[in-house]
Amino acid sequence: MRGYFAIGVEGISKPMNLGNLMRSAHAFGASFFFVIAPAFAARETRPADTSDSAHHLPLYHYAAVGDLTLPRGCALIGVEFTDQAIELPSFRHPSAAAYVLGPERGVLSAPLVARCDHVVKIPTRFCINVGVAGAILMYDRMLSRGRFARRPVNPRAVAEVWPRHVRGAQVVRGRKARPPKS
């Protein structure tokens, strides 16, 4: 998959939720993680972050929304449960993106929403846990930006096999194809 992504949270108040989200970000291949005005020290996340993600991807702390800096060309995407937000299944993820989720018992601040290039929502009946929301978001990005075969219409059907390249040779139906004769 080309591009990169980051995950961040604003005003998070529960260390276990942040640890869970950081572990998921590490598992899904995030390039960096950021927090804006957290209510606790990042070291408190260790019990939930069993992959020790802070040693594998950069973790940036920002005291306020105005301090947030992102790489040039990186789209900031807010994740918020509002009527104006784009539903996640209809959203085309940018190649370079930083996703930011809100606090457990609140919403993204108005200054942060104003900075966002897009605002998306997970189409659920009500708000869900921030760690779960982040995992769903990253899974959706992986599915939509990755190169996966289309799902078969019939559950018993065999999934479509896409050609892959392994060391310059094409793989067809699980076997390495022979190079063309010259």
N, C-alpha and C. Protein backbone atom coordinates (compact mmCIF):
# COMPACT_ATOMS: atom_id res chain seq x y z
N MET A 1 0.84 -1.16 0.00
CA MET A 1 0.00 0.00 0.00
C MET A 1 0.90 1.24 0.00
N ARG A 2 0.60 2.17 -0.86
CA ARG A 2 1.37 3.40 -0.94
C ARG A 2 0.83 4.43 0.03
N GLY A 3 1.66 5.41 0.34
CA GLY A 3 1.26 6.48 1.22
C GLY A 3 1.57 6.16 2.68
N TYR A 4 1.03 6.99 3.55
CA TYR A 4 1.22 6.78 4.98
C TYR A 4 0.02 7.36 5.72
N PHE A 5 -0.10 6.98 6.99
CA PHE A 5 -1.16 7.55 7.80
C PHE A 5 -0.70 7.65 9.24
N ALA A 6 -1.39 8.50 9.97
CA ALA A 6 -1.16 8.67 11.40
C ALA A 6 -2.50 8.68 12.10
N ILE A 7 -2.45 8.38 13.38
CA ILE A 7 -3.66 8.40 14.21
C ILE A 7 -3.38 9.32 15.40
N GLY A 8 -4.38 10.12 15.75
CA GLY A 8 -4.23 10.99 16.90
C GLY A 8 -5.54 11.14 17.65
N VAL A 9 -5.44 11.67 18.85
CA VAL A 9 -6.62 11.91 19.67
C VAL A 9 -6.51 13.28 20.33
N GLU A 10 -7.66 13.88 20.54
CA GLU A 10 -7.70 15.17 21.24
C GLU A 10 -8.41 14.98 22.57
N GLY A 11 -7.79 15.45 23.64
CA GLY A 11 -8.43 15.47 24.95
C GLY A 11 -8.79 14.13 25.53
N ILE A 12 -8.05 13.10 25.21
CA ILE A 12 -8.36 11.77 25.74
C ILE A 12 -8.13 11.74 27.25
N SER A 13 -8.99 11.02 27.97
CA SER A 13 -8.91 11.02 29.43
C SER A 13 -8.65 9.65 30.04
N LYS A 14 -8.66 8.60 29.24
CA LYS A 14 -8.49 7.25 29.79
C LYS A 14 -7.25 6.59 29.19
N PRO A 15 -6.23 6.33 30.02
CA PRO A 15 -4.99 5.74 29.53
C PRO A 15 -5.17 4.40 28.81
N MET A 16 -6.09 3.58 29.28
CA MET A 16 -6.28 2.27 28.66
C MET A 16 -6.82 2.42 27.23
N ASN A 17 -7.68 3.39 26.99
CA ASN A 17 -8.19 3.62 25.64
C ASN A 17 -7.06 4.07 24.72
N LEU A 18 -6.21 4.96 25.21
CA LEU A 18 -5.09 5.42 24.39
C LEU A 18 -4.12 4.28 24.12
N GLY A 19 -3.82 3.48 25.12
CA GLY A 19 -2.92 2.34 24.93
C GLY A 19 -3.46 1.36 23.90
N ASN A 20 -4.76 1.09 23.96
CA ASN A 20 -5.41 0.21 22.99
C ASN A 20 -5.30 0.78 21.59
N LEU A 21 -5.56 2.08 21.45
CA LEU A 21 -5.50 2.73 20.15
C LEU A 21 -4.07 2.75 19.60
N MET A 22 -3.10 3.00 20.45
CA MET A 22 -1.70 3.01 20.02
C MET A 22 -1.27 1.61 19.55
N ARG A 23 -1.69 0.59 20.27
CA ARG A 23 -1.36 -0.79 19.89
C ARG A 23 -1.97 -1.12 18.52
N SER A 24 -3.23 -0.72 18.31
CA SER A 24 -3.88 -0.96 17.02
C SER A 24 -3.18 -0.18 15.90
N ALA A 25 -2.80 1.06 16.17
CA ALA A 25 -2.09 1.86 15.17
C ALA A 25 -0.78 1.19 14.78
N HIS A 26 -0.09 0.66 15.75
CA HIS A 26 1.16 -0.07 15.47
C HIS A 26 0.86 -1.31 14.62
N ALA A 27 -0.17 -2.05 14.97
CA ALA A 27 -0.52 -3.27 14.23
C ALA A 27 -0.93 -2.98 12.79
N PHE A 28 -1.63 -1.87 12.56
CA PHE A 28 -2.09 -1.53 11.21
C PHE A 28 -1.04 -0.78 10.40
N GLY A 29 0.11 -0.50 10.99
CA GLY A 29 1.20 0.11 10.24
C GLY A 29 1.19 1.62 10.18
N ALA A 30 0.67 2.28 11.20
CA ALA A 30 0.70 3.75 11.23
C ALA A 30 2.14 4.24 11.20
N SER A 31 2.34 5.41 10.65
CA SER A 31 3.68 5.99 10.58
C SER A 31 4.01 6.78 11.83
N PHE A 32 3.00 7.38 12.45
CA PHE A 32 3.22 8.08 13.72
C PHE A 32 1.89 8.23 14.44
N PHE A 33 1.99 8.61 15.69
CA PHE A 33 0.82 8.77 16.54
C PHE A 33 0.94 10.14 17.22
N PHE A 34 -0.19 10.79 17.50
CA PHE A 34 -0.12 12.07 18.19
C PHE A 34 -1.28 12.25 19.16
N VAL A 35 -1.02 13.03 20.20
CA VAL A 35 -2.04 13.36 21.18
C VAL A 35 -2.08 14.88 21.34
N ILE A 36 -3.29 15.41 21.46
CA ILE A 36 -3.48 16.84 21.70
C ILE A 36 -4.15 16.98 23.06
N ALA A 37 -3.49 17.65 23.96
CA ALA A 37 -4.02 17.94 25.30
C ALA A 37 -4.58 16.71 26.02
N PRO A 38 -3.76 15.65 26.17
CA PRO A 38 -4.26 14.49 26.91
C PRO A 38 -4.38 14.82 28.40
N ALA A 39 -5.22 14.08 29.11
CA ALA A 39 -5.46 14.34 30.54
C ALA A 39 -4.52 13.54 31.43
N PHE A 40 -3.49 12.92 30.87
CA PHE A 40 -2.58 12.07 31.64
C PHE A 40 -1.26 11.95 30.90
N ALA A 41 -0.28 11.37 31.54
CA ALA A 41 1.03 11.15 30.92
C ALA A 41 0.98 9.89 30.06
N ALA A 42 1.65 9.92 28.92
CA ALA A 42 1.61 8.79 27.97
C ALA A 42 2.12 7.49 28.59
N ARG A 43 3.01 7.56 29.57
CA ARG A 43 3.54 6.33 30.17
C ARG A 43 2.45 5.51 30.87
N GLU A 44 1.32 6.14 31.19
CA GLU A 44 0.21 5.43 31.84
C GLU A 44 -0.49 4.45 30.91
N THR A 45 -0.15 4.46 29.62
CA THR A 45 -0.80 3.59 28.65
C THR A 45 -0.17 2.20 28.59
N ARG A 46 0.94 2.01 29.23
CA ARG A 46 1.70 0.75 29.10
C ARG A 46 0.89 -0.52 29.35
N PRO A 47 0.02 -0.57 30.36
CA PRO A 47 -0.74 -1.82 30.57
C PRO A 47 -1.59 -2.25 29.36
N ALA A 48 -2.10 -1.29 28.59
CA ALA A 48 -2.94 -1.62 27.43
C ALA A 48 -2.14 -1.72 26.14
N ASP A 49 -0.98 -1.12 26.09
CA ASP A 49 -0.15 -1.12 24.87
C ASP A 49 0.88 -2.23 24.97
N THR A 50 0.43 -3.45 24.79
CA THR A 50 1.32 -4.60 24.95
C THR A 50 2.34 -4.75 23.83
N SER A 51 2.19 -4.01 22.74
CA SER A 51 3.19 -4.07 21.67
C SER A 51 4.30 -3.04 21.89
N ASP A 52 4.16 -2.23 22.94
CA ASP A 52 5.13 -1.17 23.25
C ASP A 52 5.33 -0.27 22.04
N SER A 53 4.22 0.19 21.48
CA SER A 53 4.23 0.94 20.22
C SER A 53 5.08 2.21 20.27
N ALA A 54 5.20 2.85 21.44
CA ALA A 54 5.99 4.07 21.53
C ALA A 54 7.46 3.84 21.18
N HIS A 55 7.90 2.60 21.22
CA HIS A 55 9.28 2.28 20.82
C HIS A 55 9.38 1.93 19.33
N HIS A 56 8.24 1.87 18.65
CA HIS A 56 8.23 1.47 17.24
C HIS A 56 7.72 2.55 16.30
N LEU A 57 6.96 3.50 16.82
CA LEU A 57 6.52 4.60 15.97
C LEU A 57 6.53 5.89 16.79
N PRO A 58 6.83 7.00 16.15
CA PRO A 58 6.91 8.26 16.88
C PRO A 58 5.59 8.64 17.52
N LEU A 59 5.67 9.18 18.72
CA LEU A 59 4.52 9.66 19.45
C LEU A 59 4.75 11.15 19.72
N TYR A 60 3.89 12.00 19.14
CA TYR A 60 4.03 13.44 19.28
C TYR A 60 2.98 13.97 20.24
N HIS A 61 3.40 14.84 21.17
CA HIS A 61 2.51 15.47 22.14
C HIS A 61 2.34 16.94 21.77
N TYR A 62 1.09 17.39 21.73
CA TYR A 62 0.79 18.79 21.47
C TYR A 62 -0.08 19.31 22.60
N ALA A 63 0.29 20.44 23.16
CA ALA A 63 -0.46 21.02 24.28
C ALA A 63 -1.81 21.58 23.83
N ALA A 64 -1.86 22.06 22.58
CA ALA A 64 -3.09 22.67 22.08
C ALA A 64 -3.22 22.42 20.57
N VAL A 65 -4.41 22.61 20.05
CA VAL A 65 -4.68 22.41 18.62
C VAL A 65 -3.75 23.27 17.76
N GLY A 66 -3.50 24.50 18.17
CA GLY A 66 -2.64 25.41 17.42
C GLY A 66 -1.21 24.92 17.29
N ASP A 67 -0.78 24.02 18.18
CA ASP A 67 0.59 23.49 18.14
C ASP A 67 0.74 22.32 17.17
N LEU A 68 -0.37 21.75 16.74
CA LEU A 68 -0.33 20.57 15.86
C LEU A 68 0.35 20.90 14.54
N THR A 69 1.37 20.13 14.20
CA THR A 69 2.05 20.27 12.90
C THR A 69 2.03 18.91 12.22
N LEU A 70 1.80 18.93 10.93
CA LEU A 70 1.77 17.70 10.13
C LEU A 70 2.70 17.87 8.94
N PRO A 71 3.14 16.77 8.35
CA PRO A 71 3.98 16.87 7.16
C PRO A 71 3.23 17.57 6.02
N ARG A 72 3.98 18.23 5.15
CA ARG A 72 3.39 18.90 4.00
C ARG A 72 2.63 17.88 3.16
N GLY A 73 1.42 18.22 2.74
CA GLY A 73 0.62 17.34 1.90
C GLY A 73 -0.20 16.31 2.67
N CYS A 74 -0.11 16.32 3.98
CA CYS A 74 -0.85 15.36 4.81
C CYS A 74 -2.22 15.95 5.13
N ALA A 75 -3.28 15.24 4.74
CA ALA A 75 -4.64 15.68 5.02
C ALA A 75 -5.02 15.36 6.46
N LEU A 76 -5.64 16.29 7.13
CA LEU A 76 -6.13 16.07 8.48
C LEU A 76 -7.60 15.68 8.39
N ILE A 77 -7.93 14.53 8.96
CA ILE A 77 -9.29 14.01 8.87
C ILE A 77 -9.84 13.79 10.26
N GLY A 78 -10.88 14.52 10.60
CA GLY A 78 -11.53 14.37 11.88
C GLY A 78 -12.51 13.21 11.84
N VAL A 79 -12.63 12.51 12.94
CA VAL A 79 -13.59 11.41 13.05
C VAL A 79 -14.59 11.85 14.12
N GLU A 80 -15.80 12.16 13.67
CA GLU A 80 -16.80 12.72 14.58
C GLU A 80 -18.19 12.26 14.18
N PHE A 81 -19.01 12.00 15.15
CA PHE A 81 -20.37 11.50 14.94
C PHE A 81 -21.31 12.69 14.77
N THR A 82 -21.33 13.28 13.55
CA THR A 82 -22.22 14.41 13.26
C THR A 82 -22.97 14.15 11.96
N ASP A 83 -24.06 14.86 11.77
CA ASP A 83 -24.86 14.70 10.54
C ASP A 83 -24.11 15.19 9.31
N GLN A 84 -23.21 16.16 9.48
CA GLN A 84 -22.50 16.73 8.34
C GLN A 84 -21.30 15.87 7.89
N ALA A 85 -20.89 14.92 8.69
CA ALA A 85 -19.71 14.11 8.37
C ALA A 85 -20.01 13.11 7.25
N ILE A 86 -18.99 12.78 6.50
CA ILE A 86 -19.08 11.78 5.43
C ILE A 86 -19.06 10.40 6.08
N GLU A 87 -19.96 9.53 5.66
CA GLU A 87 -19.95 8.17 6.23
C GLU A 87 -18.72 7.43 5.73
N LEU A 88 -18.05 6.77 6.64
CA LEU A 88 -16.77 6.13 6.36
C LEU A 88 -16.79 5.21 5.13
N PRO A 89 -17.82 4.37 4.92
CA PRO A 89 -17.79 3.50 3.74
C PRO A 89 -17.82 4.26 2.41
N SER A 90 -18.22 5.53 2.43
CA SER A 90 -18.27 6.34 1.20
C SER A 90 -17.06 7.25 1.05
N PHE A 91 -16.14 7.20 1.98
CA PHE A 91 -15.00 8.12 1.99
C PHE A 91 -13.80 7.51 1.28
N ARG A 92 -13.17 8.30 0.41
CA ARG A 92 -11.94 7.88 -0.26
C ARG A 92 -10.76 8.41 0.56
N HIS A 93 -10.02 7.47 1.15
CA HIS A 93 -8.89 7.84 2.01
C HIS A 93 -7.75 8.44 1.18
N PRO A 94 -7.24 9.60 1.59
CA PRO A 94 -6.10 10.17 0.87
C PRO A 94 -4.84 9.32 1.09
N SER A 95 -3.92 9.45 0.20
CA SER A 95 -2.66 8.71 0.31
C SER A 95 -1.90 9.08 1.58
N ALA A 96 -1.85 10.36 1.92
CA ALA A 96 -1.18 10.83 3.13
C ALA A 96 -2.24 11.44 4.04
N ALA A 97 -2.47 10.82 5.18
CA ALA A 97 -3.56 11.26 6.04
C ALA A 97 -3.20 11.13 7.51
N ALA A 98 -3.72 12.06 8.30
CA ALA A 98 -3.65 12.00 9.76
C ALA A 98 -5.09 12.05 10.25
N TYR A 99 -5.50 11.00 10.94
CA TYR A 99 -6.86 10.90 11.45
C TYR A 99 -6.85 11.30 12.92
N VAL A 100 -7.82 12.09 13.33
CA VAL A 100 -7.89 12.50 14.73
C VAL A 100 -9.27 12.18 15.28
N LEU A 101 -9.27 11.53 16.43
CA LEU A 101 -10.50 11.16 17.12
C LEU A 101 -10.66 12.05 18.34
N GLY A 102 -11.89 12.18 18.80
CA GLY A 102 -12.19 13.05 19.93
C GLY A 102 -12.11 12.32 21.26
N PRO A 103 -12.38 13.05 22.33
CA PRO A 103 -12.34 12.47 23.67
C PRO A 103 -13.50 11.50 23.90
N GLU A 104 -13.36 10.70 24.94
CA GLU A 104 -14.37 9.69 25.23
C GLU A 104 -15.74 10.28 25.52
N ARG A 105 -15.79 11.35 26.25
CA ARG A 105 -17.08 11.95 26.63
C ARG A 105 -17.18 13.36 26.09
N GLY A 106 -17.02 13.48 24.81
CA GLY A 106 -17.09 14.81 24.22
C GLY A 106 -16.94 14.72 22.71
N VAL A 107 -16.66 15.86 22.12
CA VAL A 107 -16.52 15.95 20.67
C VAL A 107 -15.21 16.65 20.34
N LEU A 108 -14.82 16.58 19.09
CA LEU A 108 -13.65 17.33 18.65
C LEU A 108 -13.92 18.82 18.86
N SER A 109 -12.91 19.55 19.27
CA SER A 109 -13.10 20.98 19.49
C SER A 109 -13.35 21.70 18.17
N ALA A 110 -14.03 22.81 18.25
CA ALA A 110 -14.32 23.62 17.05
C ALA A 110 -13.05 24.06 16.33
N PRO A 111 -11.99 24.49 17.05
CA PRO A 111 -10.76 24.86 16.34
C PRO A 111 -10.13 23.68 15.58
N LEU A 112 -10.25 22.48 16.13
CA LEU A 112 -9.69 21.31 15.44
C LEU A 112 -10.53 20.95 14.22
N VAL A 113 -11.84 20.97 14.35
CA VAL A 113 -12.71 20.68 13.21
C VAL A 113 -12.46 21.70 12.09
N ALA A 114 -12.23 22.95 12.46
CA ALA A 114 -11.95 23.98 11.45
C ALA A 114 -10.66 23.68 10.69
N ARG A 115 -9.71 23.02 11.32
CA ARG A 115 -8.44 22.68 10.67
C ARG A 115 -8.55 21.44 9.79
N CYS A 116 -9.58 20.65 9.98
CA CYS A 116 -9.71 19.38 9.25
C CYS A 116 -10.03 19.60 7.78
N ASP A 117 -9.41 18.79 6.94
CA ASP A 117 -9.72 18.80 5.51
C ASP A 117 -11.02 18.04 5.25
N HIS A 118 -11.29 17.03 6.06
CA HIS A 118 -12.50 16.22 5.94
C HIS A 118 -12.93 15.81 7.34
N VAL A 119 -14.21 15.53 7.51
CA VAL A 119 -14.74 14.94 8.74
C VAL A 119 -15.54 13.73 8.33
N VAL A 120 -15.23 12.58 8.94
CA VAL A 120 -15.92 11.34 8.63
C VAL A 120 -16.57 10.78 9.89
N LYS A 121 -17.53 9.89 9.66
CA LYS A 121 -18.15 9.22 10.81
C LYS A 121 -18.34 7.75 10.48
N ILE A 122 -18.32 6.97 11.52
CA ILE A 122 -18.60 5.54 11.39
C ILE A 122 -20.12 5.41 11.53
N PRO A 123 -20.79 4.81 10.54
CA PRO A 123 -22.26 4.78 10.57
C PRO A 123 -22.81 3.78 11.59
N THR A 124 -22.81 4.18 12.84
CA THR A 124 -23.37 3.37 13.93
C THR A 124 -24.57 4.12 14.51
N ARG A 125 -25.31 3.47 15.37
CA ARG A 125 -26.49 4.09 15.97
C ARG A 125 -26.12 5.15 17.00
N PHE A 126 -24.97 4.95 17.65
CA PHE A 126 -24.50 5.90 18.65
C PHE A 126 -22.98 5.81 18.71
N CYS A 127 -22.37 6.71 19.45
CA CYS A 127 -20.91 6.75 19.55
C CYS A 127 -20.37 5.46 20.16
N ILE A 128 -19.18 5.08 19.70
CA ILE A 128 -18.53 3.87 20.21
C ILE A 128 -17.19 4.25 20.86
N ASN A 129 -16.60 3.30 21.54
CA ASN A 129 -15.33 3.49 22.22
C ASN A 129 -14.27 4.02 21.26
N VAL A 130 -13.44 4.95 21.72
CA VAL A 130 -12.44 5.58 20.86
C VAL A 130 -11.43 4.56 20.31
N GLY A 131 -11.06 3.56 21.10
CA GLY A 131 -10.14 2.52 20.61
C GLY A 131 -10.77 1.67 19.52
N VAL A 132 -12.03 1.34 19.69
CA VAL A 132 -12.76 0.56 18.69
C VAL A 132 -12.94 1.39 17.43
N ALA A 133 -13.31 2.66 17.58
CA ALA A 133 -13.49 3.54 16.43
C ALA A 133 -12.21 3.66 15.63
N GLY A 134 -11.09 3.81 16.31
CA GLY A 134 -9.80 3.90 15.62
C GLY A 134 -9.47 2.64 14.86
N ALA A 135 -9.73 1.47 15.45
CA ALA A 135 -9.46 0.20 14.78
C ALA A 135 -10.34 0.04 13.54
N ILE A 136 -11.60 0.41 13.63
CA ILE A 136 -12.50 0.34 12.47
C ILE A 136 -12.01 1.27 11.37
N LEU A 137 -11.61 2.46 11.73
CA LEU A 137 -11.09 3.44 10.78
C LEU A 137 -9.86 2.90 10.04
N MET A 138 -8.92 2.34 10.79
CA MET A 138 -7.69 1.81 10.18
C MET A 138 -7.98 0.59 9.31
N TYR A 139 -8.91 -0.24 9.74
CA TYR A 139 -9.29 -1.40 8.94
C TYR A 139 -9.91 -0.95 7.62
N ASP A 140 -10.78 0.06 7.68
CA ASP A 140 -11.40 0.58 6.47
C ASP A 140 -10.34 1.15 5.52
N ARG A 141 -9.37 1.86 6.07
CA ARG A 141 -8.29 2.39 5.24
C ARG A 141 -7.52 1.25 4.57
N MET A 142 -7.20 0.23 5.34
CA MET A 142 -6.47 -0.91 4.80
C MET A 142 -7.25 -1.59 3.67
N LEU A 143 -8.54 -1.79 3.87
CA LEU A 143 -9.36 -2.44 2.84
C LEU A 143 -9.48 -1.59 1.59
N SER A 144 -9.72 -0.30 1.77
CA SER A 144 -9.96 0.55 0.60
C SER A 144 -8.68 0.93 -0.14
N ARG A 145 -7.55 1.02 0.55
CA ARG A 145 -6.31 1.41 -0.11
C ARG A 145 -5.41 0.22 -0.45
N GLY A 146 -5.68 -0.93 0.15
CA GLY A 146 -4.86 -2.11 -0.11
C GLY A 146 -5.26 -2.77 -1.42
N ARG A 147 -4.50 -3.73 -1.79
CA ARG A 147 -4.80 -4.45 -3.03
C ARG A 147 -5.30 -5.84 -2.68
N PHE A 148 -6.57 -5.89 -2.40
CA PHE A 148 -7.20 -7.15 -2.04
C PHE A 148 -8.15 -7.57 -3.15
N ALA A 149 -8.30 -8.85 -3.32
CA ALA A 149 -9.25 -9.36 -4.30
C ALA A 149 -10.66 -9.00 -3.87
N ARG A 150 -11.55 -8.84 -4.87
CA ARG A 150 -12.94 -8.57 -4.54
C ARG A 150 -13.54 -9.79 -3.85
N ARG A 151 -14.49 -9.55 -3.00
CA ARG A 151 -15.16 -10.65 -2.31
C ARG A 151 -16.11 -11.33 -3.28
N PRO A 152 -16.18 -12.66 -3.23
CA PRO A 152 -17.13 -13.36 -4.11
C PRO A 152 -18.56 -13.08 -3.67
N VAL A 153 -19.49 -13.15 -4.62
CA VAL A 153 -20.90 -12.93 -4.33
C VAL A 153 -21.45 -14.08 -3.49
N ASN A 154 -21.07 -15.28 -3.82
CA ASN A 154 -21.51 -16.47 -3.11
C ASN A 154 -20.48 -16.78 -2.02
N PRO A 155 -20.90 -16.96 -0.75
CA PRO A 155 -19.94 -17.23 0.32
C PRO A 155 -19.12 -18.51 0.11
N ARG A 156 -19.63 -19.44 -0.69
CA ARG A 156 -18.90 -20.69 -0.93
C ARG A 156 -17.94 -20.58 -2.12
N ALA A 157 -18.02 -19.51 -2.85
CA ALA A 157 -17.16 -19.34 -4.03
C ALA A 157 -15.73 -19.03 -3.60
N VAL A 158 -14.81 -19.31 -4.48
CA VAL A 158 -13.41 -19.02 -4.24
C VAL A 158 -13.15 -17.57 -4.58
N ALA A 159 -12.41 -16.89 -3.73
CA ALA A 159 -12.09 -15.49 -3.97
C ALA A 159 -11.27 -15.35 -5.24
N GLU A 160 -11.47 -14.23 -5.92
CA GLU A 160 -10.72 -13.92 -7.13
C GLU A 160 -9.23 -13.85 -6.78
N VAL A 161 -8.38 -14.41 -7.64
CA VAL A 161 -6.94 -14.38 -7.40
C VAL A 161 -6.34 -13.27 -8.24
N TRP A 162 -5.70 -12.34 -7.57
CA TRP A 162 -5.02 -11.27 -8.27
C TRP A 162 -3.57 -11.65 -8.49
N PRO A 163 -3.04 -11.34 -9.65
CA PRO A 163 -1.62 -11.63 -9.87
C PRO A 163 -0.76 -10.80 -8.93
N ARG A 164 0.27 -11.42 -8.40
CA ARG A 164 1.23 -10.73 -7.55
C ARG A 164 2.61 -10.90 -8.15
N HIS A 165 3.48 -10.02 -7.79
CA HIS A 165 4.85 -10.12 -8.27
C HIS A 165 5.75 -10.52 -7.12
N VAL A 166 6.48 -11.58 -7.31
CA VAL A 166 7.42 -12.04 -6.31
C VAL A 166 8.78 -12.13 -6.98
N ARG A 167 9.66 -11.25 -6.58
CA ARG A 167 11.01 -11.19 -7.15
C ARG A 167 10.98 -11.16 -8.68
N GLY A 168 10.06 -10.38 -9.20
CA GLY A 168 10.01 -10.20 -10.65
C GLY A 168 9.18 -11.23 -11.39
N ALA A 169 8.83 -12.34 -10.76
CA ALA A 169 8.02 -13.37 -11.43
C ALA A 169 6.57 -13.22 -11.00
N GLN A 170 5.66 -13.54 -11.88
CA GLN A 170 4.25 -13.42 -11.57
C GLN A 170 3.76 -14.70 -10.91
N VAL A 171 2.93 -14.56 -9.89
CA VAL A 171 2.34 -15.70 -9.21
C VAL A 171 0.91 -15.85 -9.71
N VAL A 172 0.55 -17.02 -10.22
CA VAL A 172 -0.78 -17.28 -10.74
C VAL A 172 -1.34 -18.50 -10.03
N ARG A 173 -2.50 -18.32 -9.42
CA ARG A 173 -3.17 -19.41 -8.69
C ARG A 173 -2.23 -20.12 -7.72
N GLY A 174 -1.45 -19.31 -6.97
CA GLY A 174 -0.60 -19.88 -5.93
C GLY A 174 0.71 -20.47 -6.42
N ARG A 175 0.96 -20.50 -7.73
CA ARG A 175 2.22 -21.04 -8.25
C ARG A 175 2.97 -19.95 -8.99
N LYS A 176 4.25 -20.06 -8.99
CA LYS A 176 5.08 -19.11 -9.71
C LYS A 176 4.99 -19.39 -11.20
N ALA A 177 4.66 -18.36 -11.95
CA ALA A 177 4.53 -18.52 -13.42
C ALA A 177 5.93 -18.61 -14.04
N ARG A 178 6.01 -19.36 -15.09
CA ARG A 178 7.29 -19.46 -15.80
C ARG A 178 7.51 -18.20 -16.62
N PRO A 179 8.76 -17.73 -16.66
CA PRO A 179 9.03 -16.54 -17.48
C PRO A 179 8.82 -16.87 -18.96
N PRO A 180 8.42 -15.87 -19.74
CA PRO A 180 8.21 -16.12 -21.17
C PRO A 180 9.52 -16.51 -21.84
N LYS A 181 9.41 -17.45 -22.80
CA LYS A 181 10.60 -17.89 -23.55
C LYS A 181 10.95 -16.84 -24.55
N SER A 182 12.25 -16.60 -24.69
CA SER A 182 12.67 -15.61 -25.66
C SER A 182 13.17 -16.22 -26.92
